[in-house]
Amino acid sequence: MKTFARLGAVILMLCISLPALAISLDEAKSRLDEVKTEGLVGEKPTGYLGVVRDEGQAREIVKVINQARREEYARIAEKHDIAVTKVETVAGQKALEKTPSGQYIMKDDKWVRK
């Protein structure tokens, strides 16, 4: 019985601590330029970020930023009564154009340095 109680306590601690490991949108935004410059994250023509090299918090940053972008694209699409895919495509094209030289973009389903 004590083993089950200990196991339950460990599971409870994990459940409480795991959400704390997630990063906030503000933190993800503040780290975005850094992970792009390091070559960990790049822009995709879909309007979203992608993981170039899965190191550090790259995957979490991409997840948080992409969720915020998804919500914003949906808001814009609804406001202008257009398809979300249209907003994503336009945003993706702008992001690729604005990406500084030396950072990664996805081209023909491959990561390339701009």
PDB file of N, CA and C in Angstrom:
ATOM      1  N   MET A   1       0.813  -1.188   0.000  1.00  0.00           N
ATOM      2  CA  MET A   1       0.000   0.000   0.000  1.00  0.00           C
ATOM      3  C   MET A   1       0.867   1.266   0.000  1.00  0.00           C
ATOM      4  N   LYS A   2       1.993   1.225   0.761  1.00  0.00           N
ATOM      5  CA  LYS A   2       2.882   2.373   0.797  1.00  0.00           C
ATOM      6  C   LYS A   2       3.483   2.653  -0.579  1.00  0.00           C
ATOM      7  N   THR A   3       3.752   1.595  -1.347  1.00  0.00           N
ATOM      8  CA  THR A   3       4.311   1.751  -2.688  1.00  0.00           C
ATOM      9  C   THR A   3       3.343   2.507  -3.582  1.00  0.00           C
ATOM     10  N   PHE A   4       2.073   2.181  -3.503  1.00  0.00           N
ATOM     11  CA  PHE A   4       1.071   2.866  -4.308  1.00  0.00           C
ATOM     12  C   PHE A   4       0.940   4.329  -3.886  1.00  0.00           C
ATOM     13  N   ALA A   5       1.039   4.592  -2.607  1.00  0.00           N
ATOM     14  CA  ALA A   5       0.965   5.964  -2.105  1.00  0.00           C
ATOM     15  C   ALA A   5       2.158   6.774  -2.617  1.00  0.00           C
ATOM     16  N   ARG A   6       3.349   6.180  -2.576  1.00  0.00           N
ATOM     17  CA  ARG A   6       4.546   6.863  -3.081  1.00  0.00           C
ATOM     18  C   ARG A   6       4.450   7.109  -4.580  1.00  0.00           C
ATOM     19  N   LEU A   7       3.987   6.090  -5.292  1.00  0.00           N
ATOM     20  CA  LEU A   7       3.818   6.225  -6.736  1.00  0.00           C
ATOM     21  C   LEU A   7       2.824   7.340  -7.053  1.00  0.00           C
ATOM     22  N   GLY A   8       1.736   7.358  -6.305  1.00  0.00           N
ATOM     23  CA  GLY A   8       0.734   8.414  -6.492  1.00  0.00           C
ATOM     24  C   GLY A   8       1.316   9.789  -6.229  1.00  0.00           C
ATOM     25  N   ALA A   9       2.141   9.900  -5.196  1.00  0.00           N
ATOM     26  CA  ALA A   9       2.772  11.179  -4.874  1.00  0.00           C
ATOM     27  C   ALA A   9       3.708  11.624  -5.988  1.00  0.00           C
ATOM     28  N   VAL A  10       4.477  10.691  -6.545  1.00  0.00           N
ATOM     29  CA  VAL A  10       5.397  11.019  -7.643  1.00  0.00           C
ATOM     30  C   VAL A  10       4.616  11.480  -8.871  1.00  0.00           C
ATOM     31  N   ILE A  11       3.554  10.771  -9.191  1.00  0.00           N
ATOM     32  CA  ILE A  11       2.731  11.139 -10.348  1.00  0.00           C
ATOM     33  C   ILE A  11       2.123  12.514 -10.141  1.00  0.00           C
ATOM     34  N   LEU A  12       1.634  12.788  -8.950  1.00  0.00           N
ATOM     35  CA  LEU A  12       1.052  14.090  -8.646  1.00  0.00           C
ATOM     36  C   LEU A  12       2.097  15.191  -8.798  1.00  0.00           C
ATOM     37  N   MET A  13       3.292  14.960  -8.307  1.00  0.00           N
ATOM     38  CA  MET A  13       4.355  15.954  -8.437  1.00  0.00           C
ATOM     39  C   MET A  13       4.686  16.212  -9.901  1.00  0.00           C
ATOM     40  N   LEU A  14       4.724  15.170 -10.703  1.00  0.00           N
ATOM     41  CA  LEU A  14       5.002  15.349 -12.134  1.00  0.00           C
ATOM     42  C   LEU A  14       3.901  16.143 -12.806  1.00  0.00           C
ATOM     43  N   CYS A  15       2.665  15.845 -12.473  1.00  0.00           N
ATOM     44  CA  CYS A  15       1.531  16.554 -13.069  1.00  0.00           C
ATOM     45  C   CYS A  15       1.557  18.035 -12.727  1.00  0.00           C
ATOM     46  N   ILE A  16       1.998  18.340 -11.528  1.00  0.00           N
ATOM     47  CA  ILE A  16       2.069  19.733 -11.102  1.00  0.00           C
ATOM     48  C   ILE A  16       3.259  20.434 -11.728  1.00  0.00           C
ATOM     49  N   SER A  17       4.394  19.747 -11.835  1.00  0.00           N
ATOM     50  CA  SER A  17       5.612  20.401 -12.311  1.00  0.00           C
ATOM     51  C   SER A  17       5.708  20.481 -13.824  1.00  0.00           C
ATOM     52  N   LEU A  18       5.122  19.564 -14.576  1.00  0.00           N
ATOM     53  CA  LEU A  18       5.254  19.582 -16.041  1.00  0.00           C
ATOM     54  C   LEU A  18       4.713  20.859 -16.663  1.00  0.00           C
ATOM     55  N   PRO A  19       3.522  21.348 -16.288  1.00  0.00           N
ATOM     56  CA  PRO A  19       3.081  22.605 -16.878  1.00  0.00           C
ATOM     57  C   PRO A  19       4.036  23.762 -16.584  1.00  0.00           C
ATOM     58  N   ALA A  20       4.714  23.715 -15.460  1.00  0.00           N
ATOM     59  CA  ALA A  20       5.658  24.775 -15.121  1.00  0.00           C
ATOM     60  C   ALA A  20       6.855  24.775 -16.070  1.00  0.00           C
ATOM     61  N   LEU A  21       7.141  23.642 -16.698  1.00  0.00           N
ATOM     62  CA  LEU A  21       8.245  23.561 -17.640  1.00  0.00           C
ATOM     63  C   LEU A  21       7.915  24.243 -18.966  1.00  0.00           C
ATOM     64  N   ALA A  22       6.641  24.387 -19.266  1.00  0.00           N
ATOM     65  CA  ALA A  22       6.222  25.028 -20.504  1.00  0.00           C
ATOM     66  C   ALA A  22       6.601  26.505 -20.449  1.00  0.00           C
ATOM     67  N   ILE A  23       6.946  27.061 -21.608  1.00  0.00           N
ATOM     68  CA  ILE A  23       7.324  28.469 -21.628  1.00  0.00           C
ATOM     69  C   ILE A  23       6.134  29.319 -22.032  1.00  0.00           C
ATOM     70  N   SER A  24       6.154  30.548 -21.624  1.00  0.00           N
ATOM     71  CA  SER A  24       5.080  31.480 -21.938  1.00  0.00           C
ATOM     72  C   SER A  24       5.287  32.036 -23.344  1.00  0.00           C
ATOM     73  N   LEU A  25       4.249  32.647 -23.873  1.00  0.00           N
ATOM     74  CA  LEU A  25       4.343  33.278 -25.182  1.00  0.00           C
ATOM     75  C   LEU A  25       5.369  34.410 -25.146  1.00  0.00           C
ATOM     76  N   ASP A  26       5.371  35.191 -24.081  1.00  0.00           N
ATOM     77  CA  ASP A  26       6.338  36.290 -23.976  1.00  0.00           C
ATOM     78  C   ASP A  26       7.774  35.772 -23.999  1.00  0.00           C
ATOM     79  N   GLU A  27       8.024  34.675 -23.263  1.00  0.00           N
ATOM     80  CA  GLU A  27       9.369  34.101 -23.255  1.00  0.00           C
ATOM     81  C   GLU A  27       9.731  33.558 -24.635  1.00  0.00           C
ATOM     82  N   ALA A  28       8.777  32.895 -25.281  1.00  0.00           N
ATOM     83  CA  ALA A  28       9.028  32.355 -26.617  1.00  0.00           C
ATOM     84  C   ALA A  28       9.344  33.482 -27.598  1.00  0.00           C
ATOM     85  N   LYS A  29       8.589  34.565 -27.522  1.00  0.00           N
ATOM     86  CA  LYS A  29       8.839  35.712 -28.404  1.00  0.00           C
ATOM     87  C   LYS A  29      10.220  36.303 -28.149  1.00  0.00           C
ATOM     88  N   SER A  30      10.586  36.410 -26.881  1.00  0.00           N
ATOM     89  CA  SER A  30      11.868  37.020 -26.554  1.00  0.00           C
ATOM     90  C   SER A  30      13.050  36.149 -26.988  1.00  0.00           C
ATOM     91  N   ARG A  31      12.842  34.853 -27.114  1.00  0.00           N
ATOM     92  CA  ARG A  31      13.918  33.932 -27.502  1.00  0.00           C
ATOM     93  C   ARG A  31      13.923  33.618 -28.994  1.00  0.00           C
ATOM     94  N   LEU A  32      12.900  34.064 -29.720  1.00  0.00           N
ATOM     95  CA  LEU A  32      12.752  33.683 -31.121  1.00  0.00           C
ATOM     96  C   LEU A  32      13.938  34.094 -31.987  1.00  0.00           C
ATOM     97  N   ASP A  33      14.359  35.338 -31.904  1.00  0.00           N
ATOM     98  CA  ASP A  33      15.497  35.781 -32.725  1.00  0.00           C
ATOM     99  C   ASP A  33      16.753  34.971 -32.415  1.00  0.00           C
ATOM    100  N   GLU A  34      16.942  34.681 -31.146  1.00  0.00           N
ATOM    101  CA  GLU A  34      18.103  33.904 -30.717  1.00  0.00           C
ATOM    102  C   GLU A  34      18.121  32.512 -31.354  1.00  0.00           C
ATOM    103  N   VAL A  35      16.996  31.800 -31.283  1.00  0.00           N
ATOM    104  CA  VAL A  35      16.982  30.436 -31.830  1.00  0.00           C
ATOM    105  C   VAL A  35      17.012  30.437 -33.358  1.00  0.00           C
ATOM    106  N   LYS A  36      16.503  31.494 -33.967  1.00  0.00           N
ATOM    107  CA  LYS A  36      16.619  31.609 -35.427  1.00  0.00           C
ATOM    108  C   LYS A  36      18.071  31.838 -35.824  1.00  0.00           C
ATOM    109  N   THR A  37      18.737  32.743 -35.119  1.00  0.00           N
ATOM    110  CA  THR A  37      20.133  33.050 -35.401  1.00  0.00           C
ATOM    111  C   THR A  37      21.026  31.833 -35.178  1.00  0.00           C
ATOM    112  N   GLU A  38      20.696  31.024 -34.173  1.00  0.00           N
ATOM    113  CA  GLU A  38      21.463  29.808 -33.887  1.00  0.00           C
ATOM    114  C   GLU A  38      21.187  28.689 -34.885  1.00  0.00           C
ATOM    115  N   GLY A  39      20.214  28.898 -35.776  1.00  0.00           N
ATOM    116  CA  GLY A  39      19.898  27.876 -36.775  1.00  0.00           C
ATOM    117  C   GLY A  39      19.050  26.742 -36.245  1.00  0.00           C
ATOM    118  N   LEU A  40      18.357  26.971 -35.140  1.00  0.00           N
ATOM    119  CA  LEU A  40      17.509  25.935 -34.561  1.00  0.00           C
ATOM    120  C   LEU A  40      16.098  25.972 -35.119  1.00  0.00           C
ATOM    121  N   VAL A  41      15.654  27.155 -35.540  1.00  0.00           N
ATOM    122  CA  VAL A  41      14.276  27.376 -35.968  1.00  0.00           C
ATOM    123  C   VAL A  41      14.292  28.155 -37.272  1.00  0.00           C
ATOM    124  N   GLY A  42      13.346  27.851 -38.149  1.00  0.00           N
ATOM    125  CA  GLY A  42      13.246  28.569 -39.409  1.00  0.00           C
ATOM    126  C   GLY A  42      11.800  28.840 -39.794  1.00  0.00           C
ATOM    127  N   GLU A  43      11.637  29.689 -40.788  1.00  0.00           N
ATOM    128  CA  GLU A  43      10.301  30.052 -41.291  1.00  0.00           C
ATOM    129  C   GLU A  43       9.901  29.124 -42.425  1.00  0.00           C
ATOM    130  N   LYS A  44       8.618  28.781 -42.443  1.00  0.00           N
ATOM    131  CA  LYS A  44       8.082  27.918 -43.489  1.00  0.00           C
ATOM    132  C   LYS A  44       7.098  28.715 -44.339  1.00  0.00           C
ATOM    133  N   PRO A  45       6.896  28.343 -45.598  1.00  0.00           N
ATOM    134  CA  PRO A  45       5.964  29.073 -46.461  1.00  0.00           C
ATOM    135  C   PRO A  45       4.508  28.956 -46.018  1.00  0.00           C
ATOM    136  N   THR A  46       4.251  28.102 -45.052  1.00  0.00           N
ATOM    137  CA  THR A  46       2.892  27.918 -44.534  1.00  0.00           C
ATOM    138  C   THR A  46       2.493  28.998 -43.540  1.00  0.00           C
ATOM    139  N   GLY A  47       3.449  29.885 -43.196  1.00  0.00           N
ATOM    140  CA  GLY A  47       3.165  30.923 -42.221  1.00  0.00           C
ATOM    141  C   GLY A  47       3.526  30.520 -40.808  1.00  0.00           C
ATOM    142  N   TYR A  48       4.124  29.361 -40.666  1.00  0.00           N
ATOM    143  CA  TYR A  48       4.483  28.857 -39.343  1.00  0.00           C
ATOM    144  C   TYR A  48       5.978  28.605 -39.256  1.00  0.00           C
ATOM    145  N   LEU A  49       6.446  28.456 -38.027  1.00  0.00           N
ATOM    146  CA  LEU A  49       7.839  28.123 -37.780  1.00  0.00           C
ATOM    147  C   LEU A  49       8.033  26.618 -37.852  1.00  0.00           C
ATOM    148  N   GLY A  50       9.261  26.204 -38.055  1.00  0.00           N
ATOM    149  CA  GLY A  50       9.603  24.792 -38.008  1.00  0.00           C
ATOM    150  C   GLY A  50      10.920  24.613 -37.274  1.00  0.00           C
ATOM    151  N   VAL A  51      11.121  23.423 -36.755  1.00  0.00           N
ATOM    152  CA  VAL A  51      12.356  23.096 -36.050  1.00  0.00           C
ATOM    153  C   VAL A  51      13.384  22.617 -37.070  1.00  0.00           C
ATOM    154  N   VAL A  52      14.492  23.321 -37.143  1.00  0.00           N
ATOM    155  CA  VAL A  52      15.588  22.942 -38.032  1.00  0.00           C
ATOM    156  C   VAL A  52      16.479  21.924 -37.329  1.00  0.00           C
ATOM    157  N   ARG A  53      16.878  22.254 -36.094  1.00  0.00           N
ATOM    158  CA  ARG A  53      17.668  21.350 -35.249  1.00  0.00           C
ATOM    159  C   ARG A  53      16.994  21.287 -33.886  1.00  0.00           C
ATOM    160  N   ASP A  54      16.641  20.105 -33.480  1.00  0.00           N
ATOM    161  CA  ASP A  54      15.900  19.908 -32.235  1.00  0.00           C
ATOM    162  C   ASP A  54      16.844  19.931 -31.037  1.00  0.00           C
ATOM    163  N   GLU A  55      17.174  21.146 -30.618  1.00  0.00           N
ATOM    164  CA  GLU A  55      18.069  21.345 -29.474  1.00  0.00           C
ATOM    165  C   GLU A  55      17.456  22.379 -28.540  1.00  0.00           C
ATOM    166  N   GLY A  56      17.828  22.289 -27.266  1.00  0.00           N
ATOM    167  CA  GLY A  56      17.344  23.259 -26.288  1.00  0.00           C
ATOM    168  C   GLY A  56      15.830  23.295 -26.256  1.00  0.00           C
ATOM    169  N   GLN A  57      15.283  24.492 -26.267  1.00  0.00           N
ATOM    170  CA  GLN A  57      13.831  24.669 -26.210  1.00  0.00           C
ATOM    171  C   GLN A  57      13.230  24.997 -27.574  1.00  0.00           C
ATOM    172  N   ALA A  58      13.947  24.660 -28.637  1.00  0.00           N
ATOM    173  CA  ALA A  58      13.480  25.000 -29.983  1.00  0.00           C
ATOM    174  C   ALA A  58      12.069  24.482 -30.245  1.00  0.00           C
ATOM    175  N   ARG A  59      11.801  23.233 -29.925  1.00  0.00           N
ATOM    176  CA  ARG A  59      10.498  22.634 -30.201  1.00  0.00           C
ATOM    177  C   ARG A  59       9.396  23.352 -29.410  1.00  0.00           C
ATOM    178  N   GLU A  60       9.661  23.678 -28.160  1.00  0.00           N
ATOM    179  CA  GLU A  60       8.664  24.355 -27.324  1.00  0.00           C
ATOM    180  C   GLU A  60       8.403  25.771 -27.829  1.00  0.00           C
ATOM    181  N   ILE A  61       9.452  26.470 -28.225  1.00  0.00           N
ATOM    182  CA  ILE A  61       9.297  27.826 -28.760  1.00  0.00           C
ATOM    183  C   ILE A  61       8.444  27.796 -30.026  1.00  0.00           C
ATOM    184  N   VAL A  62       8.736  26.856 -30.913  1.00  0.00           N
ATOM    185  CA  VAL A  62       7.965  26.712 -32.150  1.00  0.00           C
ATOM    186  C   VAL A  62       6.490  26.430 -31.827  1.00  0.00           C
ATOM    187  N   LYS A  63       6.259  25.540 -30.901  1.00  0.00           N
ATOM    188  CA  LYS A  63       4.885  25.174 -30.528  1.00  0.00           C
ATOM    189  C   LYS A  63       4.103  26.381 -30.015  1.00  0.00           C
ATOM    190  N   VAL A  64       4.710  27.133 -29.113  1.00  0.00           N
ATOM    191  CA  VAL A  64       4.029  28.281 -28.505  1.00  0.00           C
ATOM    192  C   VAL A  64       3.788  29.393 -29.530  1.00  0.00           C
ATOM    193  N   ILE A  65       4.806  29.723 -30.315  1.00  0.00           N
ATOM    194  CA  ILE A  65       4.667  30.782 -31.331  1.00  0.00           C
ATOM    195  C   ILE A  65       3.657  30.363 -32.396  1.00  0.00           C
ATOM    196  N   ASN A  66       3.721  29.120 -32.854  1.00  0.00           N
ATOM    197  CA  ASN A  66       2.785  28.664 -33.883  1.00  0.00           C
ATOM    198  C   ASN A  66       1.341  28.693 -33.389  1.00  0.00           C
ATOM    199  N   GLN A  67       1.116  28.366 -32.131  1.00  0.00           N
ATOM    200  CA  GLN A  67      -0.239  28.436 -31.582  1.00  0.00           C
ATOM    201  C   GLN A  67      -0.746  29.876 -31.608  1.00  0.00           C
ATOM    202  N   ALA A  68       0.097  30.818 -31.225  1.00  0.00           N
ATOM    203  CA  ALA A  68      -0.290  32.232 -31.252  1.00  0.00           C
ATOM    204  C   ALA A  68      -0.545  32.687 -32.689  1.00  0.00           C
ATOM    205  N   ARG A  69       0.305  32.262 -33.612  1.00  0.00           N
ATOM    206  CA  ARG A  69       0.095  32.614 -35.019  1.00  0.00           C
ATOM    207  C   ARG A  69      -1.215  32.024 -35.532  1.00  0.00           C
ATOM    208  N   ARG A  70      -1.477  30.766 -35.196  1.00  0.00           N
ATOM    209  CA  ARG A  70      -2.700  30.098 -35.638  1.00  0.00           C
ATOM    210  C   ARG A  70      -3.933  30.889 -35.188  1.00  0.00           C
ATOM    211  N   GLU A  71      -3.915  31.321 -33.934  1.00  0.00           N
ATOM    212  CA  GLU A  71      -5.039  32.099 -33.397  1.00  0.00           C
ATOM    213  C   GLU A  71      -5.173  33.443 -34.105  1.00  0.00           C
ATOM    214  N   GLU A  72      -4.051  34.094 -34.361  1.00  0.00           N
ATOM    215  CA  GLU A  72      -4.085  35.385 -35.039  1.00  0.00           C
ATOM    216  C   GLU A  72      -4.547  35.244 -36.492  1.00  0.00           C
ATOM    217  N   TYR A  73      -4.079  34.216 -37.182  1.00  0.00           N
ATOM    218  CA  TYR A  73      -4.515  33.988 -38.558  1.00  0.00           C
ATOM    219  C   TYR A  73      -6.018  33.735 -38.613  1.00  0.00           C
ATOM    220  N   ALA A  74      -6.527  32.986 -37.666  1.00  0.00           N
ATOM    221  CA  ALA A  74      -7.972  32.703 -37.615  1.00  0.00           C
ATOM    222  C   ALA A  74      -8.747  33.984 -37.372  1.00  0.00           C
ATOM    223  N   ARG A  75      -8.239  34.841 -36.485  1.00  0.00           N
ATOM    224  CA  ARG A  75      -8.902  36.110 -36.193  1.00  0.00           C
ATOM    225  C   ARG A  75      -8.939  36.995 -37.447  1.00  0.00           C
ATOM    226  N   ILE A  76      -7.824  37.082 -38.151  1.00  0.00           N
ATOM    227  CA  ILE A  76      -7.742  37.894 -39.369  1.00  0.00           C
ATOM    228  C   ILE A  76      -8.675  37.336 -40.440  1.00  0.00           C
ATOM    229  N   ALA A  77      -8.664  36.022 -40.610  1.00  0.00           N
ATOM    230  CA  ALA A  77      -9.520  35.393 -41.622  1.00  0.00           C
ATOM    231  C   ALA A  77     -10.991  35.662 -41.339  1.00  0.00           C
ATOM    232  N   GLU A  78     -11.372  35.552 -40.093  1.00  0.00           N
ATOM    233  CA  GLU A  78     -12.772  35.794 -39.730  1.00  0.00           C
ATOM    234  C   GLU A  78     -13.142  37.260 -39.949  1.00  0.00           C
ATOM    235  N   LYS A  79     -12.257  38.163 -39.556  1.00  0.00           N
ATOM    236  CA  LYS A  79     -12.506  39.595 -39.704  1.00  0.00           C
ATOM    237  C   LYS A  79     -12.726  39.980 -41.164  1.00  0.00           C
ATOM    238  N   HIS A  80     -11.951  39.358 -42.068  1.00  0.00           N
ATOM    239  CA  HIS A  80     -12.018  39.709 -43.491  1.00  0.00           C
ATOM    240  C   HIS A  80     -12.825  38.709 -44.311  1.00  0.00           C
ATOM    241  N   ASP A  81     -13.415  37.741 -43.630  1.00  0.00           N
ATOM    242  CA  ASP A  81     -14.248  36.722 -44.274  1.00  0.00           C
ATOM    243  C   ASP A  81     -13.514  36.032 -45.426  1.00  0.00           C
ATOM    244  N   ILE A  82     -12.299  35.564 -45.107  1.00  0.00           N
ATOM    245  CA  ILE A  82     -11.500  34.819 -46.078  1.00  0.00           C
ATOM    246  C   ILE A  82     -11.020  33.528 -45.426  1.00  0.00           C
ATOM    247  N   ALA A  83     -10.516  32.628 -46.229  1.00  0.00           N
ATOM    248  CA  ALA A  83     -10.033  31.347 -45.719  1.00  0.00           C
ATOM    249  C   ALA A  83      -8.754  31.533 -44.915  1.00  0.00           C
ATOM    250  N   VAL A  84      -8.621  30.778 -43.854  1.00  0.00           N
ATOM    251  CA  VAL A  84      -7.423  30.824 -43.024  1.00  0.00           C
ATOM    252  C   VAL A  84      -6.200  30.470 -43.857  1.00  0.00           C
ATOM    253  N   THR A  85      -6.337  29.549 -44.790  1.00  0.00           N
ATOM    254  CA  THR A  85      -5.200  29.151 -45.625  1.00  0.00           C
ATOM    255  C   THR A  85      -4.655  30.325 -46.443  1.00  0.00           C
ATOM    256  N   LYS A  86      -5.528  31.232 -46.829  1.00  0.00           N
ATOM    257  CA  LYS A  86      -5.088  32.422 -47.567  1.00  0.00           C
ATOM    258  C   LYS A  86      -4.237  33.313 -46.664  1.00  0.00           C
ATOM    259  N   VAL A  87      -4.680  33.502 -45.431  1.00  0.00           N
ATOM    260  CA  VAL A  87      -3.924  34.302 -44.471  1.00  0.00           C
ATOM    261  C   VAL A  87      -2.577  33.642 -44.192  1.00  0.00           C
ATOM    262  N   GLU A  88      -2.578  32.333 -43.995  1.00  0.00           N
ATOM    263  CA  GLU A  88      -1.339  31.594 -43.738  1.00  0.00           C
ATOM    264  C   GLU A  88      -0.348  31.753 -44.886  1.00  0.00           C
ATOM    265  N   THR A  89      -0.850  31.641 -46.113  1.00  0.00           N
ATOM    266  CA  THR A  89       0.012  31.738 -47.295  1.00  0.00           C
ATOM    267  C   THR A  89       0.642  33.123 -47.414  1.00  0.00           C
ATOM    268  N   VAL A  90      -0.170  34.154 -47.221  1.00  0.00           N
ATOM    269  CA  VAL A  90       0.343  35.526 -47.309  1.00  0.00           C
ATOM    270  C   VAL A  90       1.349  35.775 -46.183  1.00  0.00           C
ATOM    271  N   ALA A  91       1.018  35.345 -44.977  1.00  0.00           N
ATOM    272  CA  ALA A  91       1.929  35.525 -43.838  1.00  0.00           C
ATOM    273  C   ALA A  91       3.229  34.760 -44.068  1.00  0.00           C
ATOM    274  N   GLY A  92       3.126  33.568 -44.610  1.00  0.00           N
ATOM    275  CA  GLY A  92       4.312  32.767 -44.891  1.00  0.00           C
ATOM    276  C   GLY A  92       5.226  33.435 -45.897  1.00  0.00           C
ATOM    277  N   GLN A  93       4.636  33.972 -46.949  1.00  0.00           N
ATOM    278  CA  GLN A  93       5.427  34.651 -47.978  1.00  0.00           C
ATOM    279  C   GLN A  93       6.137  35.863 -47.392  1.00  0.00           C
ATOM    280  N   LYS A  94       5.420  36.638 -46.585  1.00  0.00           N
ATOM    281  CA  LYS A  94       6.030  37.815 -45.957  1.00  0.00           C
ATOM    282  C   LYS A  94       7.150  37.404 -45.012  1.00  0.00           C
ATOM    283  N   ALA A  95       6.944  36.340 -44.238  1.00  0.00           N
ATOM    284  CA  ALA A  95       7.963  35.883 -43.293  1.00  0.00           C
ATOM    285  C   ALA A  95       9.218  35.429 -44.030  1.00  0.00           C
ATOM    286  N   LEU A  96       9.038  34.721 -45.144  1.00  0.00           N
ATOM    287  CA  LEU A  96      10.197  34.272 -45.927  1.00  0.00           C
ATOM    288  C   LEU A  96      10.967  35.467 -46.480  1.00  0.00           C
ATOM    289  N   GLU A  97      10.230  36.467 -46.969  1.00  0.00           N
ATOM    290  CA  GLU A  97      10.866  37.656 -47.532  1.00  0.00           C
ATOM    291  C   GLU A  97      11.635  38.439 -46.467  1.00  0.00           C
ATOM    292  N   LYS A  98      11.077  38.502 -45.254  1.00  0.00           N
ATOM    293  CA  LYS A  98      11.682  39.289 -44.176  1.00  0.00           C
ATOM    294  C   LYS A  98      12.805  38.554 -43.438  1.00  0.00           C
ATOM    295  N   THR A  99      12.939  37.271 -43.669  1.00  0.00           N
ATOM    296  CA  THR A  99      13.980  36.512 -42.969  1.00  0.00           C
ATOM    297  C   THR A  99      15.354  37.019 -43.379  1.00  0.00           C
ATOM    298  N   PRO A 100      16.171  37.397 -42.403  1.00  0.00           N
ATOM    299  CA  PRO A 100      17.512  37.908 -42.718  1.00  0.00           C
ATOM    300  C   PRO A 100      18.407  36.838 -43.332  1.00  0.00           C
ATOM    301  N   SER A 101      19.364  37.281 -44.077  1.00  0.00           N
ATOM    302  CA  SER A 101      20.361  36.389 -44.665  1.00  0.00           C
ATOM    303  C   SER A 101      21.066  35.617 -43.559  1.00  0.00           C
ATOM    304  N   GLY A 102      21.296  34.339 -43.799  1.00  0.00           N
ATOM    305  CA  GLY A 102      21.976  33.492 -42.831  1.00  0.00           C
ATOM    306  C   GLY A 102      21.039  32.659 -41.986  1.00  0.00           C
ATOM    307  N   GLN A 103      19.755  33.048 -41.924  1.00  0.00           N
ATOM    308  CA  GLN A 103      18.779  32.258 -41.176  1.00  0.00           C
ATOM    309  C   GLN A 103      18.114  31.251 -42.105  1.00  0.00           C
ATOM    310  N   TYR A 104      17.439  30.276 -41.509  1.00  0.00           N
ATOM    311  CA  TYR A 104      16.840  29.194 -42.277  1.00  0.00           C
ATOM    312  C   TYR A 104      15.411  29.488 -42.707  1.00  0.00           C
ATOM    313  N   ILE A 105      15.130  29.063 -43.948  1.00  0.00           N
ATOM    314  CA  ILE A 105      13.768  29.050 -44.473  1.00  0.00           C
ATOM    315  C   ILE A 105      13.551  27.680 -45.119  1.00  0.00           C
ATOM    316  N   MET A 106      12.308  27.299 -45.224  1.00  0.00           N
ATOM    317  CA  MET A 106      12.007  26.043 -45.895  1.00  0.00           C
ATOM    318  C   MET A 106      11.687  26.338 -47.361  1.00  0.00           C
ATOM    319  N   LYS A 107      12.388  25.640 -48.223  1.00  0.00           N
ATOM    320  CA  LYS A 107      12.191  25.804 -49.661  1.00  0.00           C
ATOM    321  C   LYS A 107      12.159  24.415 -50.276  1.00  0.00           C
ATOM    322  N   ASP A 108      11.109  24.108 -50.998  1.00  0.00           N
ATOM    323  CA  ASP A 108      10.936  22.786 -51.614  1.00  0.00           C
ATOM    324  C   ASP A 108      11.072  21.668 -50.574  1.00  0.00           C
ATOM    325  N   ASP A 109      10.440  21.879 -49.430  1.00  0.00           N
ATOM    326  CA  ASP A 109      10.419  20.908 -48.319  1.00  0.00           C
ATOM    327  C   ASP A 109      11.795  20.617 -47.728  1.00  0.00           C
ATOM    328  N   LYS A 110      12.742  21.551 -47.915  1.00  0.00           N
ATOM    329  CA  LYS A 110      14.080  21.388 -47.349  1.00  0.00           C
ATOM    330  C   LYS A 110      14.476  22.686 -46.655  1.00  0.00           C
ATOM    331  N   TRP A 111      15.227  22.553 -45.550  1.00  0.00           N
ATOM    332  CA  TRP A 111      15.748  23.736 -44.873  1.00  0.00           C
ATOM    333  C   TRP A 111      16.981  24.233 -45.615  1.00  0.00           C
ATOM    334  N   VAL A 112      16.975  25.531 -45.934  1.00  0.00           N
ATOM    335  CA  VAL A 112      18.122  26.156 -46.600  1.00  0.00           C
ATOM    336  C   VAL A 112      18.426  27.474 -45.900  1.00  0.00           C
ATOM    337  N   ARG A 113      19.703  27.840 -45.908  1.00  0.00           N
ATOM    338  CA  ARG A 113      20.087  29.159 -45.373  1.00  0.00           C
ATOM    339  C   ARG A 113      19.757  30.203 -46.436  1.00  0.00           C
ATOM    340  N   LYS A 114      19.149  31.246 -45.994  1.00  0.00           N
ATOM    341  CA  LYS A 114      18.795  32.326 -46.922  1.00  0.00           C
ATOM    342  C   LYS A 114      20.037  33.144 -47.230  1.00  0.00           C
TER     343      LYS A 114
END
